[in-house]
């Protein structure tokens, strides 16, 4: 081989090395940039999914709160009507002692209409009778008296004021007298 050919081959080798090395660096730079972009994309996807889940939870929570608000929106009005209902009950008991049948019938009609209207709004009476077991979670004890009989010890002797629920929520606990 001549010197010229050898020099030409050396130059070719050097040119190829120069051409090959930037191409490899560019490829690694592209691979690095691609993996970095993939990582950023994954981060953004994760961020989006978390934000979406948080928004879905917010929607569920607010709709549940709205339903609860609609259920108990009339609670204040109904609670203010409970003394009127109690007065009707007491009046009905006293009027039944009289012999005026028309008066009794008229008061009963108004009483039933009031009860049915409140019942249609979700009000229900908490059923408690004398002789039931006293439960501090379900009843409000006004006082304790000596039990008239041994079987009434620790039980309800008398119901002073009826209790009411609005939907599933107790808005007034029954007031009772318990036996000691």
Protein backbone atom coordinates (compact mmCIF):
# COMPACT_ATOMS: atom_id res chain seq x y z
CA UNK A 1 0.00 0.00 0.00
CA UNK A 2 1.15 3.36 -0.75
CA UNK A 3 1.45 6.16 1.68
CA UNK A 4 -1.27 8.02 -0.04
CA UNK A 5 -3.72 5.18 0.34
CA UNK A 6 -2.72 4.74 3.96
CA UNK A 7 -3.25 8.39 4.69
CA UNK A 8 -6.55 8.31 2.90
CA UNK A 9 -7.67 5.36 4.96
CA UNK A 10 -6.52 7.06 8.16
CA UNK A 11 -8.48 10.15 7.21
CA UNK A 12 -11.52 8.02 6.38
CA UNK A 13 -11.26 6.29 9.75
CA UNK A 14 -11.00 9.58 11.53
CA UNK A 15 -13.96 11.02 9.61
CA UNK A 16 -16.01 7.94 10.41
CA UNK A 17 -15.12 8.21 14.10
CA UNK A 18 -16.13 11.84 14.14
CA UNK A 19 -19.35 11.10 12.31
CA UNK A 20 -20.15 8.08 14.48
CA UNK A 21 -19.54 9.70 17.85
CA UNK A 22 -22.00 12.63 17.56
CA UNK A 23 -24.65 10.28 16.18
CA UNK A 24 -24.27 8.03 19.24
CA UNK A 25 -24.35 11.01 21.62
CA UNK A 26 -27.41 12.38 19.84
CA UNK A 27 -29.12 9.00 20.13
CA UNK A 28 -28.35 8.78 23.83
CA UNK A 29 -29.49 12.37 24.28
CA UNK A 30 -32.71 11.51 22.43
CA UNK A 31 -33.19 8.39 24.58
CA UNK A 32 -32.55 10.41 27.75
CA UNK A 33 -34.95 13.13 26.62
CA UNK A 34 -37.53 10.50 25.71
CA UNK A 35 -37.33 8.79 29.11
CA UNK A 36 -37.46 12.16 30.82
CA UNK A 37 -40.55 13.09 28.83
CA UNK A 38 -42.12 9.73 29.68
CA UNK A 39 -41.45 10.33 33.38
CA UNK A 40 -42.97 13.79 33.16
CA UNK A 41 -45.97 12.36 31.33
CA UNK A 42 -46.45 9.73 34.04
CA UNK A 43 -46.23 12.44 36.72
CA UNK A 44 -48.85 14.51 34.92
CA UNK A 45 -51.10 11.47 34.45
CA UNK A 46 -50.82 10.65 38.15
CA UNK A 47 -51.53 14.27 39.05
CA UNK A 48 -54.55 14.29 36.73
CA UNK A 49 -55.93 11.03 38.14
CA UNK A 50 -55.56 12.27 41.72
CA UNK A 51 -57.24 15.55 40.87
CA UNK A 52 -60.05 13.72 39.06
CA UNK A 53 -60.57 11.35 42.02
CA UNK A 54 -60.60 14.29 44.41
CA UNK A 55 -63.20 16.04 42.27
CA UNK A 56 -65.37 12.90 42.14
CA UNK A 57 -65.20 12.62 45.94
CA UNK A 58 -66.14 16.29 46.22
CA UNK A 59 -69.17 15.76 43.97
CA UNK A 60 -70.31 12.73 45.98
CA UNK A 61 -69.81 14.53 49.29
CA UNK A 62 -71.70 17.66 48.22
CA UNK A 63 -74.58 15.68 46.74
CA UNK A 64 -74.84 13.67 49.97
CA UNK A 65 -74.78 16.89 52.02
CA UNK A 66 -77.44 18.39 49.76
CA UNK A 67 -79.71 15.36 50.22
CA UNK A 68 -79.23 15.57 54.00
CA UNK A 69 -80.01 19.28 53.90
CA UNK A 70 -83.23 18.67 51.99
CA UNK A 71 -84.22 15.96 54.45
CA UNK A 72 -83.70 18.15 57.49
CA UNK A 73 -84.36 21.60 55.99
CA UNK A 74 -87.73 21.78 57.67
CA UNK A 75 -86.37 20.58 61.03
CA UNK A 76 -86.57 24.01 62.69
CA UNK A 77 -90.15 24.57 61.57
CA UNK A 78 -91.24 21.09 62.64
CA UNK A 79 -89.48 21.43 66.00
CA UNK A 80 -91.33 24.67 66.62
CA UNK A 81 -94.61 22.88 65.81
CA UNK A 82 -94.04 20.10 68.37
CA UNK A 83 -95.28 22.16 71.35
CA UNK A 84 -98.45 22.93 69.38
CA UNK A 85 -98.91 19.21 68.77
CA UNK A 86 -98.39 18.54 72.49
CA UNK A 87 -100.96 21.22 73.36
CA UNK A 88 -103.43 19.59 70.98
CA UNK A 89 -102.87 16.23 72.70
CA UNK A 90 -103.50 17.78 76.13
CA UNK A 91 -106.53 19.73 74.88
CA UNK A 92 -107.99 16.61 73.32
CA UNK A 93 -107.70 14.73 76.61
CA UNK A 94 -109.47 17.53 78.48
CA UNK A 95 -112.17 18.04 75.84
CA UNK A 96 -112.97 14.31 75.85
CA UNK A 97 -114.10 14.80 79.46
CA UNK A 98 -116.84 17.16 78.26
CA UNK A 99 -119.98 15.88 76.61
CA UNK A 100 -119.96 18.19 73.60
CA UNK A 101 -119.51 15.66 70.78
CA UNK A 102 -119.25 18.30 68.05
CA UNK A 103 -116.42 20.05 69.89
CA UNK A 104 -114.58 16.76 70.35
CA UNK A 105 -115.04 15.88 66.69
CA UNK A 106 -113.82 19.31 65.51
CA UNK A 107 -110.70 19.26 67.68
CA UNK A 108 -109.96 15.66 66.61
CA UNK A 109 -110.21 16.67 62.93
CA UNK A 110 -107.79 19.57 63.38
CA UNK A 111 -105.46 17.41 65.50
CA UNK A 112 -105.42 14.61 62.92
CA UNK A 113 -104.85 17.07 60.09
CA UNK A 114 -101.85 18.58 61.89
CA UNK A 115 -100.43 15.13 62.67
CA UNK A 116 -100.86 13.93 59.09
CA UNK A 117 -99.28 17.09 57.66
CA UNK A 118 -96.24 16.71 59.91
CA UNK A 119 -96.11 12.99 59.15
CA UNK A 120 -96.06 13.74 55.41
CA UNK A 121 -93.00 15.92 56.04
CA UNK A 122 -91.15 12.98 57.62
CA UNK A 123 -92.09 13.32 61.29
CA UNK A 124 -92.72 10.11 63.21
CA UNK A 125 -93.36 9.46 66.86
CA UNK A 126 -90.86 7.49 68.94
CA UNK A 127 -92.90 4.70 70.48
CA UNK A 128 -92.40 4.49 74.25
CA UNK A 129 -94.78 3.01 76.80
CA UNK A 130 -94.71 2.48 80.53
CA UNK A 131 -92.89 -0.74 81.37
CA UNK A 132 -90.31 -0.43 78.57
CA UNK A 133 -86.67 -0.76 79.56
CA UNK A 134 -84.96 2.60 80.09
CA UNK A 135 -82.12 3.34 77.69
CA UNK A 136 -80.17 6.58 78.20
CA UNK A 137 -79.35 6.70 74.47
CA UNK A 138 -83.03 6.63 73.46
CA UNK A 139 -84.81 8.35 76.36
CA UNK A 140 -84.42 11.45 78.48
CA UNK A 141 -85.06 10.73 82.16
CA UNK A 142 -86.74 13.64 83.93
CA UNK A 143 -86.79 12.08 87.36
CA UNK A 144 -86.70 8.80 89.26
CA UNK A 145 -89.40 7.70 91.63
CA UNK A 146 -89.69 4.63 93.80
CA UNK A 147 -90.98 1.85 91.58
CA UNK A 148 -94.64 1.00 92.23
CA UNK A 149 -93.74 -2.66 91.76
CA UNK A 150 -90.52 -4.67 91.59
CA UNK A 151 -90.90 -5.39 87.89
CA UNK A 152 -90.73 -1.61 87.10
CA UNK A 153 -87.32 -1.06 88.72
CA UNK A 154 -84.97 0.45 86.11
CA UNK A 155 -87.86 0.71 83.66
CA UNK A 156 -90.07 3.51 82.43
CA UNK A 157 -92.93 4.28 84.83
CA UNK A 158 -94.51 7.20 82.94
CA UNK A 159 -94.02 9.11 79.67
CA UNK A 160 -94.14 12.87 80.29
CA UNK A 161 -93.49 14.11 76.74
CA UNK A 162 -93.51 12.16 73.49
CA UNK A 163 -90.38 11.90 71.39
CA UNK A 164 -90.22 12.49 67.65
CA UNK A 165 -87.94 11.61 64.75
CA UNK A 166 -87.53 13.45 61.48
CA UNK A 167 -86.54 10.77 59.02
CA UNK A 168 -83.89 8.74 60.86
CA UNK A 169 -82.77 11.59 63.11
CA UNK A 170 -84.27 12.02 66.57
CA UNK A 171 -85.24 15.68 66.95
CA UNK A 172 -86.76 15.31 70.42
CA UNK A 173 -86.13 12.46 72.83
CA UNK A 174 -89.09 11.17 74.84
CA UNK A 175 -89.07 12.53 78.40
CA UNK A 176 -89.80 9.78 80.89
CA UNK A 177 -89.99 8.99 84.60
CA UNK A 178 -88.07 5.90 85.64
CA UNK A 179 -88.55 3.52 88.56
CA UNK A 180 -85.91 3.20 91.24
